[in-house]
Amino acid sequence: MERVHVRASRDYDVLIGEGLLAGCGGEIAAVTASRRCALVTDSTVAPLYARRVEDSLRQAGMDVCTYVFPAGEQSKTLATYGAILGFLAENRLTRSDFVAALGGGVAGDMAGFAAATYQRGIDYIQLPTTFLAASDSSVGGKTAVDLPAGKNLAGAFWPPRLVVCDCAAFSTLPADTFADGVAETLKHGLIADRDFFDFLMRQPIRDHLPAVVRRNVEIKAAVVAEDEFESGKRKLLNFGHTLGHAIEKCSGYTVTHGHAVAVGMVLAARAAERLGLSPKGTLETVLAGNRRYGLPTECAYTAEELYDAATGDKKRRGGKIDVVVLEEIGRAKTIPLDMDGLRAFVEAAL
């Protein structure tokens, strides 16, 4: 097991290894005095891992109640969030108890947001079971639900007490779900670590999962330590996300987050190169990364559709929105655009 320390408004550790879910109760007991837990998971993950986690928590002397919601981004709503809050209240959890999120990014986001707001905030633990969640969304303290107007528009910054990444859980992932995590992994290399990106282009990710997850977490943790609440440097983590979120919304969330971000990175690289914001060859490098791992490279929507969806993005500040472009492979910057500039960027992207 490896351990990465995350510095934030409340520090926490990320544990990375194989088979960690079976012993997660002892690790959790070491960071909280509480002995009551609400486990929040989805209908896909529950049959695979819920019993294992429940048994581990009980062996550590904890009382556990479990809430299961229908799997999928379509469940990431205020209605599901409200149902989780109701479950916590019905089971009489108090501010000295905690929530454990077991699953992918949807479970982590919703359980975290419920924990952030239930009785004005209780502890929560992240138990990611997808490559995407382990490498990205479980770290950094962002929690949220979607609104009809857009993705992640209601949420809170709320650091977990602990993150336990069991890389063995990735073995049950469908290929497309695993690929969602690959997109965010490529992103980390593209924006922050050329050597890491080059490694990913030489070595198959599946052959080095704990090491790859660790490097993902290290990159994100370093950014979060400098800018926990996304007022500056943390915005760099949004490379590919402004148009990626727009693609998700246009698709009615039938395109998954990682696949949308993969296309979003291609679009951002094409626009930046055409507008002279990134050097020649940037687009081809991004395309090569996507192609190596079977990620999509083409967008099915028009510039007008993407622009309309992007203007509702939560990263918009007043009349401007920041887009992230690559200065070179391994280094990125943000560019503030007004709405006319955003339209031109989207048109150049296509």
Protein backbone atom coordinates (compact mmCIF):
# COMPACT_ATOMS: atom_id res chain seq x y z
CA MET A 1 0.00 0.00 0.00
CA GLU A 2 1.19 3.48 -0.88
CA ARG A 3 0.13 6.69 0.81
CA VAL A 4 -0.13 10.19 -0.68
CA HIS A 5 -0.77 13.11 1.68
CA VAL A 6 -3.08 15.86 0.45
CA ARG A 7 -2.72 19.32 1.96
CA ALA A 8 -6.03 21.16 2.09
CA SER A 9 -8.20 23.12 4.52
CA ARG A 10 -8.36 19.74 6.25
CA ASP A 11 -5.50 17.41 5.35
CA TYR A 12 -6.10 13.77 4.45
CA ASP A 13 -4.33 10.75 3.01
CA VAL A 14 -4.98 8.76 -0.15
CA LEU A 15 -4.19 5.06 0.20
CA ILE A 16 -3.38 3.18 -3.02
CA GLY A 17 -2.95 -0.55 -3.48
CA GLU A 18 -4.53 -3.90 -4.31
CA GLY A 19 -7.22 -5.50 -2.13
CA LEU A 20 -7.66 -2.53 0.20
CA LEU A 21 -11.46 -2.67 0.45
CA ALA A 22 -11.30 -5.83 2.55
CA GLY A 23 -9.32 -3.98 5.23
CA CYS A 24 -10.78 -0.50 4.84
CA GLY A 25 -12.54 -0.62 8.23
CA GLY A 26 -9.30 -0.55 10.15
CA GLU A 27 -7.91 2.32 8.05
CA ILE A 28 -11.11 4.31 8.53
CA ALA A 29 -11.17 3.65 12.26
CA ALA A 30 -7.70 5.20 12.45
CA VAL A 31 -8.94 8.57 11.17
CA THR A 32 -12.33 8.89 12.88
CA ALA A 33 -13.62 8.23 16.38
CA SER A 34 -17.11 7.64 15.02
CA ARG A 35 -18.56 4.15 15.10
CA ARG A 36 -21.65 4.80 12.94
CA CYS A 37 -21.57 4.96 9.16
CA ALA A 38 -23.94 5.36 6.23
CA LEU A 39 -22.54 3.60 3.18
CA VAL A 40 -23.76 5.18 -0.08
CA THR A 41 -23.32 3.21 -3.30
CA ASP A 42 -25.07 2.41 -6.57
CA SER A 43 -26.91 -0.58 -7.98
CA THR A 44 -23.92 -1.74 -10.04
CA VAL A 45 -21.30 -1.51 -7.30
CA ALA A 46 -23.42 -2.76 -4.39
CA PRO A 47 -23.56 -6.44 -5.47
CA LEU A 48 -19.80 -6.43 -6.10
CA TYR A 49 -18.32 -4.67 -3.10
CA ALA A 50 -20.89 -3.48 -0.55
CA ARG A 51 -20.79 -6.66 1.57
CA ARG A 52 -17.00 -6.61 1.64
CA VAL A 53 -16.95 -3.03 2.91
CA GLU A 54 -19.79 -3.57 5.37
CA ASP A 55 -18.01 -6.59 6.84
CA SER A 56 -14.75 -4.68 7.18
CA LEU A 57 -16.47 -1.75 8.89
CA ARG A 58 -18.30 -4.06 11.29
CA GLN A 59 -15.11 -5.93 12.09
CA ALA A 60 -13.66 -2.55 13.06
CA GLY A 61 -16.55 -2.12 15.51
CA MET A 62 -18.80 0.11 13.42
CA ASP A 63 -22.55 0.09 12.90
CA VAL A 64 -23.40 0.38 9.17
CA CYS A 65 -26.54 1.22 7.20
CA THR A 66 -26.43 1.17 3.39
CA TYR A 67 -28.22 3.28 0.79
CA VAL A 68 -28.26 2.09 -2.83
CA PHE A 69 -29.34 4.32 -5.74
CA PRO A 70 -29.76 3.44 -9.45
CA ALA A 71 -26.41 3.53 -11.22
CA GLY A 72 -25.65 6.22 -13.80
CA GLU A 73 -25.22 9.95 -14.30
CA GLN A 74 -29.00 10.20 -14.64
CA SER A 75 -29.21 9.62 -10.87
CA LYS A 76 -26.94 12.56 -10.07
CA THR A 77 -29.87 14.82 -9.28
CA LEU A 78 -31.37 16.88 -6.50
CA ALA A 79 -33.98 14.15 -6.05
CA THR A 80 -31.35 11.48 -5.32
CA TYR A 81 -29.41 13.90 -3.15
CA GLY A 82 -32.59 14.62 -1.18
CA ALA A 83 -33.27 10.90 -0.81
CA ILE A 84 -29.77 10.38 0.64
CA LEU A 85 -30.33 13.21 3.13
CA GLY A 86 -33.65 11.62 4.09
CA PHE A 87 -31.92 8.27 4.60
CA LEU A 88 -29.32 9.86 6.90
CA ALA A 89 -32.06 11.52 8.93
CA GLU A 90 -34.22 8.38 9.11
CA ASN A 91 -31.25 6.44 10.43
CA ARG A 92 -30.54 9.19 12.94
CA LEU A 93 -26.99 9.92 11.94
CA THR A 94 -25.48 12.74 13.96
CA ARG A 95 -22.67 15.20 13.35
CA SER A 96 -20.27 12.76 15.02
CA ASP A 97 -21.05 10.02 12.45
CA PHE A 98 -19.81 9.71 8.86
CA VAL A 99 -20.74 8.82 5.29
CA ALA A 100 -18.71 6.46 3.11
CA ALA A 101 -18.97 6.81 -0.68
CA LEU A 102 -18.43 3.49 -2.47
CA GLY A 103 -18.30 3.59 -6.26
CA GLY A 104 -17.40 5.93 -9.08
CA GLY A 105 -17.61 9.68 -9.43
CA VAL A 106 -21.39 9.85 -9.17
CA ALA A 107 -21.43 8.08 -5.80
CA GLY A 108 -18.53 10.16 -4.56
CA ASP A 109 -20.04 13.45 -5.66
CA MET A 110 -23.50 12.82 -4.24
CA ALA A 111 -22.43 11.19 -0.97
CA GLY A 112 -19.89 13.96 -0.48
CA PHE A 113 -22.43 16.71 -1.13
CA ALA A 114 -24.88 15.04 1.25
CA ALA A 115 -22.14 14.85 3.90
CA ALA A 116 -21.20 18.49 3.30
CA THR A 117 -24.75 19.68 3.94
CA TYR A 118 -26.31 17.18 6.36
CA GLN A 119 -26.50 18.88 9.76
CA ARG A 120 -24.19 21.54 8.29
CA GLY A 121 -21.46 19.03 7.58
CA ILE A 122 -20.36 15.58 8.70
CA ASP A 123 -17.27 13.53 7.83
CA TYR A 124 -17.09 11.33 4.77
CA ILE A 125 -14.75 8.74 3.33
CA GLN A 126 -14.08 8.09 -0.36
CA LEU A 127 -13.89 4.45 -1.50
CA PRO A 128 -13.51 4.81 -5.29
CA THR A 129 -14.01 1.67 -7.37
CA THR A 130 -13.43 3.17 -10.84
CA PHE A 131 -10.14 4.21 -12.38
CA LEU A 132 -11.61 7.65 -13.04
CA ALA A 133 -12.71 8.24 -9.46
CA ALA A 134 -9.48 6.89 -7.96
CA SER A 135 -7.30 8.98 -10.26
CA ASP A 136 -9.30 12.19 -10.19
CA SER A 137 -12.72 12.86 -8.68
CA SER A 138 -12.15 11.27 -5.24
CA VAL A 139 -9.28 13.69 -4.59
CA GLY A 140 -9.71 17.43 -4.15
CA GLY A 141 -12.92 17.79 -2.15
CA LYS A 142 -15.29 18.77 -4.96
CA THR A 143 -18.83 17.47 -4.42
CA ALA A 144 -21.87 18.21 -6.57
CA VAL A 145 -25.06 17.20 -8.32
CA ASP A 146 -26.32 18.12 -11.77
CA LEU A 147 -29.17 20.50 -12.53
CA PRO A 148 -31.27 20.52 -15.72
CA ALA A 149 -29.29 23.60 -16.78
CA GLY A 150 -25.92 21.87 -16.55
CA LYS A 151 -23.43 19.56 -14.86
CA ASN A 152 -22.31 19.98 -11.24
CA LEU A 153 -24.13 23.29 -10.76
CA ALA A 154 -25.07 22.58 -7.12
CA GLY A 155 -22.27 21.48 -4.83
CA ALA A 156 -19.70 22.28 -2.17
CA PHE A 157 -16.00 21.96 -1.46
CA TRP A 158 -15.78 19.35 1.30
CA PRO A 159 -12.55 17.40 1.87
CA PRO A 160 -12.88 13.71 2.77
CA ARG A 161 -11.25 12.29 5.88
CA LEU A 162 -9.62 9.52 3.88
CA VAL A 163 -9.51 8.10 0.35
CA VAL A 164 -8.95 4.35 -0.12
CA CYS A 165 -8.15 3.37 -3.73
CA ASP A 166 -8.36 -0.39 -4.27
CA CYS A 167 -6.93 -0.89 -7.76
CA ALA A 168 -8.16 -4.50 -7.78
CA ALA A 169 -11.69 -3.11 -8.18
CA PHE A 170 -10.83 -1.91 -11.68
CA SER A 171 -10.78 -5.52 -12.88
CA THR A 172 -14.60 -5.55 -12.94
CA LEU A 173 -14.90 -2.38 -15.03
CA PRO A 174 -16.19 -2.50 -18.61
CA ALA A 175 -13.59 -1.30 -21.11
CA ASP A 176 -15.42 1.97 -21.78
CA THR A 177 -15.66 2.76 -18.07
CA PHE A 178 -11.96 2.11 -17.58
CA ALA A 179 -11.25 4.36 -20.56
CA ASP A 180 -13.00 7.25 -18.78
CA GLY A 181 -10.15 7.20 -16.26
CA VAL A 182 -7.59 6.99 -19.05
CA ALA A 183 -8.83 10.32 -20.41
CA GLU A 184 -8.23 12.10 -17.10
CA THR A 185 -4.86 10.37 -16.78
CA LEU A 186 -3.76 11.64 -20.19
CA LYS A 187 -5.00 15.08 -19.16
CA HIS A 188 -2.76 15.11 -16.10
CA GLY A 189 0.26 14.34 -18.22
CA LEU A 190 -0.67 16.91 -20.86
CA ILE A 191 -1.09 19.76 -18.38
CA ALA A 192 1.55 18.99 -15.77
CA ASP A 193 4.09 16.25 -16.54
CA ARG A 194 5.58 15.59 -19.98
CA ASP A 195 7.57 12.61 -18.66
CA PHE A 196 4.38 11.04 -17.30
CA PHE A 197 2.62 11.54 -20.64
CA ASP A 198 5.56 9.99 -22.49
CA PHE A 199 5.46 7.03 -20.08
CA LEU A 200 1.77 6.53 -20.83
CA MET A 201 2.54 6.48 -24.54
CA ARG A 202 5.21 3.79 -24.04
CA GLN A 203 3.72 1.58 -21.34
CA PRO A 204 0.16 0.15 -21.13
CA ILE A 205 -1.64 1.74 -18.20
CA ARG A 206 -3.16 -1.56 -17.05
CA ASP A 207 0.33 -2.96 -16.46
CA HIS A 208 1.16 -0.22 -13.95
CA LEU A 209 -2.12 0.67 -12.24
CA PRO A 210 -0.99 1.50 -8.66
CA ALA A 211 1.91 3.60 -9.96
CA VAL A 212 -0.29 5.42 -12.48
CA VAL A 213 -2.97 6.13 -9.87
CA ARG A 214 -0.30 7.40 -7.49
CA ARG A 215 1.10 9.83 -10.08
CA ASN A 216 -2.40 11.05 -10.92
CA VAL A 217 -3.07 11.69 -7.24
CA GLU A 218 0.29 13.41 -6.75
CA ILE A 219 -0.37 15.79 -9.65
CA LYS A 220 -3.85 16.65 -8.46
CA ALA A 221 -2.78 16.94 -4.81
CA ALA A 222 -0.05 19.41 -5.72
CA VAL A 223 -2.55 21.60 -7.56
CA VAL A 224 -5.14 21.38 -4.77
CA ALA A 225 -2.51 22.34 -2.16
CA GLU A 226 -1.92 25.60 -4.03
CA ASP A 227 -5.55 26.36 -4.93
CA GLU A 228 -8.14 24.29 -3.09
CA PHE A 229 -11.12 26.43 -4.07
CA GLU A 230 -10.35 26.86 -7.78
CA SER A 231 -9.56 30.55 -7.89
CA GLY A 232 -6.37 30.15 -9.89
CA LYS A 233 -4.09 27.21 -10.67
CA ARG A 234 -6.72 24.52 -10.06
CA LYS A 235 -8.51 25.74 -13.17
CA LEU A 236 -5.76 24.02 -15.18
CA LEU A 237 -7.35 20.70 -14.24
CA ASN A 238 -10.27 21.73 -16.45
CA PHE A 239 -8.37 21.12 -19.70
CA GLY A 240 -10.95 19.64 -22.07
CA HIS A 241 -13.74 20.10 -19.55
CA THR A 242 -15.53 23.23 -20.76
CA LEU A 243 -16.39 21.66 -24.10
CA GLY A 244 -16.43 18.18 -22.56
CA HIS A 245 -19.21 19.19 -20.18
CA ALA A 246 -21.01 20.78 -23.13
CA ILE A 247 -20.82 17.46 -25.01
CA GLU A 248 -22.21 15.62 -21.98
CA LYS A 249 -25.11 18.03 -21.76
CA CYS A 250 -25.83 17.92 -25.50
CA SER A 251 -25.92 14.12 -25.35
CA GLY A 252 -28.34 14.07 -22.44
CA TYR A 253 -25.46 12.51 -20.47
CA THR A 254 -25.38 9.43 -22.67
CA VAL A 255 -21.74 10.31 -23.44
CA THR A 256 -19.73 9.54 -20.31
CA HIS A 257 -17.57 12.12 -18.60
CA GLY A 258 -14.22 10.65 -19.59
CA HIS A 259 -15.19 10.16 -23.22
CA ALA A 260 -16.54 13.70 -23.37
CA VAL A 261 -13.34 15.09 -21.84
CA ALA A 262 -11.29 13.10 -24.36
CA VAL A 263 -13.10 14.84 -27.21
CA GLY A 264 -13.00 18.13 -25.29
CA MET A 265 -9.20 17.94 -25.13
CA VAL A 266 -9.03 17.40 -28.89
CA LEU A 267 -11.33 20.36 -29.50
CA ALA A 268 -9.38 22.61 -27.11
CA ALA A 269 -6.07 21.63 -28.70
CA ARG A 270 -7.40 22.23 -32.23
CA ALA A 271 -8.85 25.63 -31.32
CA ALA A 272 -5.73 26.73 -29.45
CA GLU A 273 -3.44 25.67 -32.28
CA ARG A 274 -5.58 27.41 -34.92
CA LEU A 275 -5.75 30.58 -32.83
CA GLY A 276 -2.02 30.63 -32.16
CA LEU A 277 -2.38 29.85 -28.44
CA SER A 278 -0.61 26.48 -28.61
CA PRO A 279 2.39 25.44 -30.74
CA LYS A 280 2.06 23.42 -33.91
CA GLY A 281 1.91 19.70 -33.25
CA THR A 282 -0.11 20.02 -30.02
CA LEU A 283 -3.27 18.69 -31.61
CA GLU A 284 -1.50 15.69 -33.12
CA THR A 285 -0.03 14.77 -29.72
CA VAL A 286 -3.47 14.90 -28.07
CA LEU A 287 -4.95 12.85 -30.91
CA ALA A 288 -2.15 10.28 -30.57
CA GLY A 289 -2.91 9.83 -26.86
CA ASN A 290 -6.60 9.28 -27.50
CA ARG A 291 -5.97 6.90 -30.37
CA ARG A 292 -3.49 4.83 -28.37
CA TYR A 293 -6.16 4.07 -25.79
CA GLY A 294 -9.19 3.88 -28.08
CA LEU A 295 -10.73 7.15 -26.91
CA PRO A 296 -12.97 9.17 -29.24
CA THR A 297 -11.62 12.10 -31.22
CA GLU A 298 -14.69 13.40 -33.07
CA CYS A 299 -17.54 15.64 -31.91
CA ALA A 300 -21.12 14.92 -33.01
CA TYR A 301 -22.46 18.40 -32.25
CA THR A 302 -22.44 21.74 -34.02
CA ALA A 303 -20.59 24.83 -32.87
CA GLU A 304 -23.89 26.47 -31.95
CA GLU A 305 -24.99 23.50 -29.85
CA LEU A 306 -21.67 23.40 -28.00
CA TYR A 307 -21.65 27.17 -27.47
CA ASP A 308 -25.16 27.18 -26.02
CA ALA A 309 -24.29 24.34 -23.64
CA ALA A 310 -20.94 25.86 -22.63
CA THR A 311 -22.40 29.23 -21.65
CA GLY A 312 -24.16 27.52 -18.74
CA ASP A 313 -20.93 26.01 -17.42
CA LYS A 314 -20.25 26.69 -13.72
CA LYS A 315 -16.76 27.96 -14.59
CA ARG A 316 -18.28 31.08 -16.16
CA ARG A 317 -17.52 34.24 -14.19
CA GLY A 318 -19.84 37.10 -15.09
CA GLY A 319 -19.40 37.70 -18.78
CA LYS A 320 -16.26 35.58 -19.15
CA ILE A 321 -15.22 31.95 -19.06
CA ASP A 322 -11.71 30.52 -18.71
CA VAL A 323 -10.54 27.92 -21.20
CA VAL A 324 -7.38 25.90 -20.69
CA VAL A 325 -4.80 25.59 -23.45
CA LEU A 326 -1.43 23.85 -23.65
CA GLU A 327 1.65 26.07 -23.82
CA GLU A 328 3.55 22.87 -24.52
CA ILE A 329 3.06 19.21 -23.61
CA GLY A 330 3.29 19.15 -19.82
CA ARG A 331 2.46 22.82 -19.27
CA ALA A 332 -0.87 24.62 -19.51
CA LYS A 333 -2.40 28.04 -18.95
CA THR A 334 -5.86 29.55 -18.70
CA ILE A 335 -7.22 32.09 -21.17
CA PRO A 336 -10.22 34.24 -20.16
CA LEU A 337 -12.70 34.65 -23.00
CA ASP A 338 -15.74 36.84 -23.31
CA MET A 339 -18.77 35.30 -24.98
CA ASP A 340 -17.69 36.39 -28.45
CA GLY A 341 -14.27 34.92 -27.78
CA LEU A 342 -15.84 31.68 -26.59
CA ARG A 343 -17.90 31.46 -29.77
CA ALA A 344 -14.76 31.95 -31.87
CA PHE A 345 -12.95 29.32 -29.80
CA VAL A 346 -15.74 26.79 -30.32
CA GLU A 347 -15.86 27.49 -34.05
CA ALA A 348 -12.09 27.02 -34.30
CA ALA A 349 -12.38 23.79 -32.32
CA LEU A 350 -14.57 22.26 -35.02
